[in-house]
Amino acid sequence: MRETSILMVSVVAGLAVTSLVVAPQGWAQPAPSLVTYTVTADEPVTADIYYRETDPPTWADYSHNPYLFSPKVTVEVAPDRPWVLTVALADPDRWAMVSATSGRLPKESGFRCELAVDGVAVATGEGPKGALCSVRHW
């Protein structure tokens, strides 16, 4: 009888642990955050802009090929012509990032960037030839 009781307790305990580990059916992942990147400059300039548009599955995947997750666009920006893009990221604290540069152009155009998550500005940056906005420190 004692062995049966111990076996029953073990089975019940195992089921309880399993029910804690397995997510219930229909339990949805949290909705991704809307991340808005904005880049502008004090003077008209051709900018190379890198930004994160998807969450890498792992840090190893990102490290292996960061450009796969950070596309580049080349656009004209100016005080009255900002570049603005909104993307959905699951973990913006870890992955949201935008950088802009005029590359080798000798002109200092006064870049500015802003990164907003769900409508709230969380990072800004500025520099004479480029700017970086990110929540995390790279």
N, C-alpha and C. Protein backbone atom coordinates (compact mmCIF):
# COMPACT_ATOMS: atom_id res chain seq x y z
N MET A 1 0.82 -1.18 0.00
CA MET A 1 0.00 0.00 0.00
C MET A 1 0.87 1.25 0.00
N ARG A 2 1.93 1.24 0.79
CA ARG A 2 2.82 2.38 0.88
C ARG A 2 3.45 2.67 -0.48
N GLU A 3 3.88 1.63 -1.22
CA GLU A 3 4.49 1.82 -2.53
C GLU A 3 3.47 2.41 -3.51
N THR A 4 2.22 2.00 -3.43
CA THR A 4 1.17 2.54 -4.29
C THR A 4 0.94 4.01 -3.99
N SER A 5 0.96 4.37 -2.72
CA SER A 5 0.77 5.78 -2.33
C SER A 5 1.91 6.64 -2.85
N ILE A 6 3.14 6.15 -2.72
CA ILE A 6 4.30 6.90 -3.20
C ILE A 6 4.22 7.05 -4.72
N LEU A 7 3.83 5.99 -5.42
CA LEU A 7 3.71 6.04 -6.87
C LEU A 7 2.64 7.06 -7.28
N MET A 8 1.51 7.07 -6.59
CA MET A 8 0.44 8.03 -6.90
C MET A 8 0.90 9.46 -6.67
N VAL A 9 1.61 9.71 -5.56
CA VAL A 9 2.12 11.05 -5.27
C VAL A 9 3.09 11.48 -6.36
N SER A 10 3.95 10.57 -6.82
CA SER A 10 4.91 10.88 -7.88
C SER A 10 4.20 11.23 -9.18
N VAL A 11 3.18 10.46 -9.53
CA VAL A 11 2.43 10.72 -10.77
C VAL A 11 1.72 12.06 -10.68
N VAL A 12 1.05 12.34 -9.56
CA VAL A 12 0.34 13.61 -9.38
C VAL A 12 1.33 14.78 -9.43
N ALA A 13 2.47 14.65 -8.77
CA ALA A 13 3.48 15.71 -8.78
C ALA A 13 4.01 15.92 -10.20
N GLY A 14 4.25 14.84 -10.91
CA GLY A 14 4.72 14.95 -12.30
C GLY A 14 3.71 15.66 -13.19
N LEU A 15 2.43 15.35 -13.03
CA LEU A 15 1.40 16.02 -13.82
C LEU A 15 1.31 17.51 -13.46
N ALA A 16 1.47 17.83 -12.21
CA ALA A 16 1.41 19.23 -11.78
C ALA A 16 2.56 20.02 -12.40
N VAL A 17 3.76 19.46 -12.39
CA VAL A 17 4.91 20.14 -12.99
C VAL A 17 4.71 20.28 -14.49
N THR A 18 4.23 19.24 -15.14
CA THR A 18 3.99 19.29 -16.58
C THR A 18 2.98 20.38 -16.92
N SER A 19 1.95 20.51 -16.12
CA SER A 19 0.94 21.52 -16.43
C SER A 19 1.50 22.93 -16.24
N LEU A 20 2.52 23.10 -15.41
CA LEU A 20 3.15 24.41 -15.25
C LEU A 20 4.07 24.72 -16.41
N VAL A 21 4.71 23.71 -16.98
CA VAL A 21 5.68 23.91 -18.04
C VAL A 21 5.01 24.09 -19.40
N VAL A 22 3.96 23.35 -19.67
CA VAL A 22 3.30 23.40 -20.96
C VAL A 22 2.32 24.58 -20.98
N ALA A 23 2.45 25.45 -21.99
CA ALA A 23 1.55 26.60 -22.10
C ALA A 23 0.17 26.12 -22.50
N PRO A 24 -0.86 26.73 -21.94
CA PRO A 24 -2.21 26.34 -22.31
C PRO A 24 -2.50 26.63 -23.78
N GLN A 25 -3.38 25.82 -24.35
CA GLN A 25 -3.80 26.03 -25.73
C GLN A 25 -4.36 27.43 -25.90
N GLY A 26 -4.00 28.10 -26.97
CA GLY A 26 -4.55 29.41 -27.26
C GLY A 26 -3.85 30.55 -26.54
N TRP A 27 -2.80 30.27 -25.76
CA TRP A 27 -2.08 31.32 -25.06
C TRP A 27 -1.19 32.02 -26.07
N ALA A 28 -1.51 33.24 -26.41
CA ALA A 28 -0.83 33.97 -27.48
C ALA A 28 0.42 34.68 -26.95
N GLN A 29 1.37 34.84 -27.85
CA GLN A 29 2.55 35.64 -27.55
C GLN A 29 2.12 37.10 -27.45
N PRO A 30 2.83 37.91 -26.67
CA PRO A 30 2.48 39.33 -26.61
C PRO A 30 2.61 39.97 -27.99
N ALA A 31 1.79 40.95 -28.26
CA ALA A 31 1.84 41.64 -29.55
C ALA A 31 3.18 42.36 -29.69
N PRO A 32 3.74 42.37 -30.89
CA PRO A 32 5.00 43.09 -31.07
C PRO A 32 4.79 44.59 -30.89
N SER A 33 5.87 45.27 -30.55
CA SER A 33 5.84 46.72 -30.40
C SER A 33 6.06 47.38 -31.75
N LEU A 34 5.42 48.53 -31.95
CA LEU A 34 5.64 49.32 -33.15
C LEU A 34 6.81 50.26 -32.89
N VAL A 35 7.84 50.11 -33.69
CA VAL A 35 9.06 50.92 -33.55
C VAL A 35 9.13 51.86 -34.74
N THR A 36 9.25 53.16 -34.46
CA THR A 36 9.33 54.16 -35.53
C THR A 36 10.72 54.79 -35.50
N TYR A 37 11.39 54.69 -36.65
CA TYR A 37 12.70 55.29 -36.83
C TYR A 37 12.52 56.59 -37.62
N THR A 38 13.18 57.66 -37.19
CA THR A 38 13.15 58.93 -37.91
C THR A 38 14.58 59.44 -38.03
N VAL A 39 14.97 59.81 -39.25
CA VAL A 39 16.30 60.38 -39.50
C VAL A 39 16.11 61.66 -40.29
N THR A 40 16.83 62.70 -39.89
CA THR A 40 16.81 63.97 -40.61
C THR A 40 18.20 64.58 -40.53
N ALA A 41 18.39 65.71 -41.22
CA ALA A 41 19.67 66.41 -41.19
C ALA A 41 19.42 67.90 -41.27
N ASP A 42 20.38 68.67 -40.78
CA ASP A 42 20.27 70.12 -40.79
C ASP A 42 20.37 70.69 -42.20
N GLU A 43 21.07 69.96 -43.09
CA GLU A 43 21.22 70.36 -44.48
C GLU A 43 20.92 69.15 -45.36
N PRO A 44 20.45 69.37 -46.59
CA PRO A 44 20.18 68.24 -47.48
C PRO A 44 21.44 67.38 -47.69
N VAL A 45 21.26 66.07 -47.62
CA VAL A 45 22.39 65.15 -47.77
C VAL A 45 21.89 63.78 -48.17
N THR A 46 22.74 63.05 -48.88
CA THR A 46 22.47 61.65 -49.18
C THR A 46 22.96 60.83 -47.99
N ALA A 47 22.05 60.08 -47.41
CA ALA A 47 22.36 59.31 -46.20
C ALA A 47 22.30 57.82 -46.46
N ASP A 48 23.24 57.09 -45.87
CA ASP A 48 23.17 55.64 -45.79
C ASP A 48 22.57 55.33 -44.43
N ILE A 49 21.42 54.65 -44.43
CA ILE A 49 20.70 54.37 -43.19
C ILE A 49 20.58 52.86 -43.02
N TYR A 50 21.05 52.38 -41.89
CA TYR A 50 20.88 50.98 -41.50
C TYR A 50 19.85 50.95 -40.38
N TYR A 51 19.00 49.95 -40.41
CA TYR A 51 17.96 49.84 -39.39
C TYR A 51 17.63 48.38 -39.15
N ARG A 52 17.08 48.08 -38.00
CA ARG A 52 16.68 46.72 -37.68
C ARG A 52 15.20 46.57 -37.99
N GLU A 53 14.86 45.64 -38.88
CA GLU A 53 13.45 45.46 -39.24
C GLU A 53 12.84 44.17 -38.71
N THR A 54 13.68 43.24 -38.24
CA THR A 54 13.16 42.00 -37.64
C THR A 54 14.02 41.63 -36.44
N ASP A 55 13.44 40.90 -35.51
CA ASP A 55 14.19 40.38 -34.38
C ASP A 55 14.98 39.16 -34.84
N PRO A 56 16.30 39.15 -34.67
CA PRO A 56 17.03 37.92 -34.97
C PRO A 56 16.59 36.81 -34.02
N PRO A 57 16.55 35.57 -34.48
CA PRO A 57 16.13 34.47 -33.61
C PRO A 57 17.05 34.31 -32.39
N THR A 58 18.35 34.50 -32.59
CA THR A 58 19.32 34.38 -31.50
C THR A 58 20.45 35.38 -31.73
N TRP A 59 21.21 35.63 -30.68
CA TRP A 59 22.37 36.51 -30.81
C TRP A 59 23.38 35.90 -31.78
N ALA A 60 23.52 34.59 -31.76
CA ALA A 60 24.45 33.91 -32.67
C ALA A 60 24.06 34.16 -34.12
N ASP A 61 22.76 34.09 -34.42
CA ASP A 61 22.31 34.36 -35.80
C ASP A 61 22.66 35.79 -36.20
N TYR A 62 22.43 36.73 -35.29
CA TYR A 62 22.75 38.13 -35.58
C TYR A 62 24.26 38.30 -35.78
N SER A 63 25.05 37.73 -34.89
CA SER A 63 26.50 37.88 -34.96
C SER A 63 27.07 37.28 -36.24
N HIS A 64 26.47 36.18 -36.69
CA HIS A 64 26.95 35.51 -37.90
C HIS A 64 26.76 36.38 -39.14
N ASN A 65 25.63 37.12 -39.21
CA ASN A 65 25.37 37.96 -40.38
C ASN A 65 24.47 39.14 -39.98
N PRO A 66 25.03 40.18 -39.35
CA PRO A 66 24.19 41.29 -38.88
C PRO A 66 23.46 42.01 -40.01
N TYR A 67 24.04 42.03 -41.21
CA TYR A 67 23.40 42.75 -42.31
C TYR A 67 22.14 42.06 -42.82
N LEU A 68 21.99 40.78 -42.51
CA LEU A 68 20.76 40.08 -42.85
C LEU A 68 19.58 40.68 -42.09
N PHE A 69 19.83 41.16 -40.88
CA PHE A 69 18.78 41.72 -40.02
C PHE A 69 18.80 43.25 -40.00
N SER A 70 19.76 43.85 -40.70
CA SER A 70 19.91 45.31 -40.70
C SER A 70 20.03 45.82 -42.13
N PRO A 71 18.92 45.95 -42.82
CA PRO A 71 19.00 46.42 -44.20
C PRO A 71 19.53 47.85 -44.27
N LYS A 72 19.99 48.24 -45.46
CA LYS A 72 20.50 49.58 -45.70
C LYS A 72 19.70 50.23 -46.82
N VAL A 73 19.35 51.49 -46.62
CA VAL A 73 18.75 52.29 -47.68
C VAL A 73 19.62 53.52 -47.87
N THR A 74 19.66 54.02 -49.08
CA THR A 74 20.35 55.27 -49.38
C THR A 74 19.28 56.25 -49.82
N VAL A 75 19.11 57.33 -49.06
CA VAL A 75 18.03 58.28 -49.32
C VAL A 75 18.53 59.71 -49.10
N GLU A 76 17.80 60.64 -49.68
CA GLU A 76 18.04 62.06 -49.44
C GLU A 76 17.24 62.47 -48.21
N VAL A 77 17.91 63.09 -47.24
CA VAL A 77 17.20 63.63 -46.07
C VAL A 77 17.55 65.11 -45.96
N ALA A 78 16.66 65.85 -45.34
CA ALA A 78 16.82 67.29 -45.14
C ALA A 78 15.91 67.70 -43.99
N PRO A 79 16.01 68.95 -43.53
CA PRO A 79 15.15 69.37 -42.43
C PRO A 79 13.66 69.17 -42.73
N ASP A 80 13.27 69.37 -43.99
CA ASP A 80 11.86 69.22 -44.36
C ASP A 80 11.56 67.88 -45.03
N ARG A 81 12.56 66.98 -45.11
CA ARG A 81 12.38 65.67 -45.73
C ARG A 81 12.99 64.57 -44.86
N PRO A 82 12.36 64.27 -43.73
CA PRO A 82 12.90 63.19 -42.89
C PRO A 82 12.63 61.83 -43.53
N TRP A 83 13.43 60.86 -43.15
CA TRP A 83 13.17 59.46 -43.50
C TRP A 83 12.50 58.86 -42.27
N VAL A 84 11.33 58.27 -42.47
CA VAL A 84 10.55 57.69 -41.36
C VAL A 84 10.12 56.28 -41.76
N LEU A 85 10.31 55.34 -40.86
CA LEU A 85 9.90 53.96 -41.10
C LEU A 85 9.39 53.37 -39.79
N THR A 86 8.27 52.65 -39.87
CA THR A 86 7.73 51.94 -38.70
C THR A 86 7.80 50.44 -38.96
N VAL A 87 8.35 49.71 -37.99
CA VAL A 87 8.46 48.25 -38.07
C VAL A 87 7.89 47.66 -36.79
N ALA A 88 7.62 46.37 -36.81
CA ALA A 88 7.13 45.66 -35.62
C ALA A 88 8.26 44.76 -35.11
N LEU A 89 8.64 44.96 -33.84
CA LEU A 89 9.68 44.14 -33.21
C LEU A 89 9.14 43.54 -31.91
N ALA A 90 9.46 42.29 -31.67
CA ALA A 90 9.03 41.62 -30.45
C ALA A 90 9.82 42.09 -29.23
N ASP A 91 11.09 42.43 -29.44
CA ASP A 91 11.96 42.83 -28.32
C ASP A 91 12.74 44.09 -28.68
N PRO A 92 12.06 45.24 -28.73
CA PRO A 92 12.75 46.47 -29.15
C PRO A 92 13.85 46.90 -28.18
N ASP A 93 13.74 46.56 -26.91
CA ASP A 93 14.80 46.92 -25.97
C ASP A 93 16.12 46.28 -26.36
N ARG A 94 16.04 45.15 -26.99
CA ARG A 94 17.25 44.42 -27.40
C ARG A 94 17.66 44.72 -28.83
N TRP A 95 16.69 44.89 -29.75
CA TRP A 95 17.03 44.90 -31.16
C TRP A 95 16.77 46.20 -31.91
N ALA A 96 15.96 47.11 -31.41
CA ALA A 96 15.66 48.33 -32.17
C ALA A 96 16.92 49.17 -32.34
N MET A 97 17.19 49.60 -33.59
CA MET A 97 18.39 50.36 -33.87
C MET A 97 18.26 51.02 -35.22
N VAL A 98 18.69 52.28 -35.33
CA VAL A 98 18.82 52.95 -36.62
C VAL A 98 20.10 53.77 -36.57
N SER A 99 20.85 53.74 -37.67
CA SER A 99 22.04 54.58 -37.77
C SER A 99 22.06 55.22 -39.15
N ALA A 100 22.59 56.42 -39.20
CA ALA A 100 22.66 57.15 -40.46
C ALA A 100 24.02 57.81 -40.57
N THR A 101 24.54 57.85 -41.79
CA THR A 101 25.83 58.47 -42.02
C THR A 101 25.90 59.04 -43.43
N SER A 102 26.75 60.02 -43.61
CA SER A 102 27.01 60.55 -44.94
C SER A 102 28.25 59.90 -45.53
N GLY A 103 28.78 58.91 -44.85
CA GLY A 103 29.93 58.17 -45.35
C GLY A 103 31.15 59.05 -45.51
N ARG A 104 31.74 59.00 -46.68
CA ARG A 104 32.99 59.71 -46.92
C ARG A 104 32.81 61.14 -47.42
N LEU A 105 31.57 61.57 -47.52
CA LEU A 105 31.34 62.96 -47.95
C LEU A 105 32.01 63.91 -46.96
N PRO A 106 32.72 64.92 -47.46
CA PRO A 106 33.41 65.84 -46.54
C PRO A 106 32.47 66.79 -45.80
N LYS A 107 31.30 66.98 -46.33
CA LYS A 107 30.34 67.93 -45.76
C LYS A 107 29.78 67.41 -44.43
N GLU A 108 29.66 68.30 -43.44
CA GLU A 108 29.02 67.97 -42.17
C GLU A 108 27.58 68.47 -42.25
N SER A 109 26.64 67.54 -42.27
CA SER A 109 25.23 67.88 -42.51
C SER A 109 24.38 67.93 -41.25
N GLY A 110 24.93 67.55 -40.11
CA GLY A 110 24.17 67.61 -38.86
C GLY A 110 23.02 66.61 -38.80
N PHE A 111 23.36 65.33 -38.66
CA PHE A 111 22.34 64.28 -38.60
C PHE A 111 21.65 64.25 -37.24
N ARG A 112 20.38 63.84 -37.29
CA ARG A 112 19.59 63.60 -36.07
C ARG A 112 18.76 62.34 -36.30
N CYS A 113 18.60 61.55 -35.21
CA CYS A 113 17.73 60.39 -35.31
C CYS A 113 16.87 60.31 -34.04
N GLU A 114 15.75 59.63 -34.21
CA GLU A 114 14.87 59.36 -33.07
C GLU A 114 14.33 57.95 -33.24
N LEU A 115 14.23 57.24 -32.12
CA LEU A 115 13.66 55.90 -32.08
C LEU A 115 12.50 55.95 -31.10
N ALA A 116 11.31 55.63 -31.57
CA ALA A 116 10.12 55.63 -30.72
C ALA A 116 9.54 54.22 -30.66
N VAL A 117 9.11 53.81 -29.48
CA VAL A 117 8.47 52.51 -29.29
C VAL A 117 7.04 52.76 -28.83
N ASP A 118 6.11 52.26 -29.62
CA ASP A 118 4.68 52.44 -29.34
C ASP A 118 4.34 53.91 -29.09
N GLY A 119 4.94 54.78 -29.91
CA GLY A 119 4.62 56.20 -29.87
C GLY A 119 5.40 57.02 -28.86
N VAL A 120 6.30 56.39 -28.10
CA VAL A 120 7.07 57.10 -27.08
C VAL A 120 8.55 57.13 -27.50
N ALA A 121 9.13 58.32 -27.62
CA ALA A 121 10.55 58.44 -27.96
C ALA A 121 11.39 57.85 -26.83
N VAL A 122 12.24 56.88 -27.17
CA VAL A 122 13.07 56.22 -26.16
C VAL A 122 14.56 56.45 -26.39
N ALA A 123 14.92 56.96 -27.58
CA ALA A 123 16.33 57.23 -27.86
C ALA A 123 16.43 58.31 -28.93
N THR A 124 17.43 59.17 -28.77
CA THR A 124 17.74 60.18 -29.78
C THR A 124 19.25 60.21 -29.94
N GLY A 125 19.67 60.70 -31.09
CA GLY A 125 21.09 60.83 -31.33
C GLY A 125 21.34 61.92 -32.35
N GLU A 126 22.56 62.45 -32.35
CA GLU A 126 22.93 63.47 -33.34
C GLU A 126 24.43 63.49 -33.50
N GLY A 127 24.85 63.99 -34.66
CA GLY A 127 26.27 64.12 -34.94
C GLY A 127 26.48 64.83 -36.26
N PRO A 128 27.65 65.42 -36.45
CA PRO A 128 27.91 66.19 -37.66
C PRO A 128 27.88 65.36 -38.95
N LYS A 129 28.35 64.10 -38.89
CA LYS A 129 28.39 63.25 -40.08
C LYS A 129 27.60 61.96 -39.93
N GLY A 130 26.94 61.78 -38.80
CA GLY A 130 26.14 60.59 -38.60
C GLY A 130 25.50 60.57 -37.23
N ALA A 131 24.57 59.64 -37.05
CA ALA A 131 23.87 59.51 -35.77
C ALA A 131 23.46 58.06 -35.57
N LEU A 132 23.38 57.64 -34.30
CA LEU A 132 22.95 56.30 -33.93
C LEU A 132 21.88 56.41 -32.86
N CYS A 133 20.77 55.70 -33.05
CA CYS A 133 19.72 55.61 -32.05
C CYS A 133 19.48 54.14 -31.73
N SER A 134 19.55 53.83 -30.44
CA SER A 134 19.33 52.46 -29.99
C SER A 134 18.97 52.51 -28.52
N VAL A 135 18.16 51.56 -28.07
CA VAL A 135 17.85 51.48 -26.65
C VAL A 135 19.02 50.86 -25.91
N ARG A 136 19.59 49.82 -26.49
CA ARG A 136 20.73 49.15 -25.85
C ARG A 136 22.03 49.80 -26.31
N HIS A 137 23.07 49.64 -25.52
CA HIS A 137 24.39 50.18 -25.87
C HIS A 137 25.15 49.14 -26.66
N TRP A 138 25.50 49.47 -27.86
CA TRP A 138 26.24 48.55 -28.72
C TRP A 138 27.70 48.76 -28.48
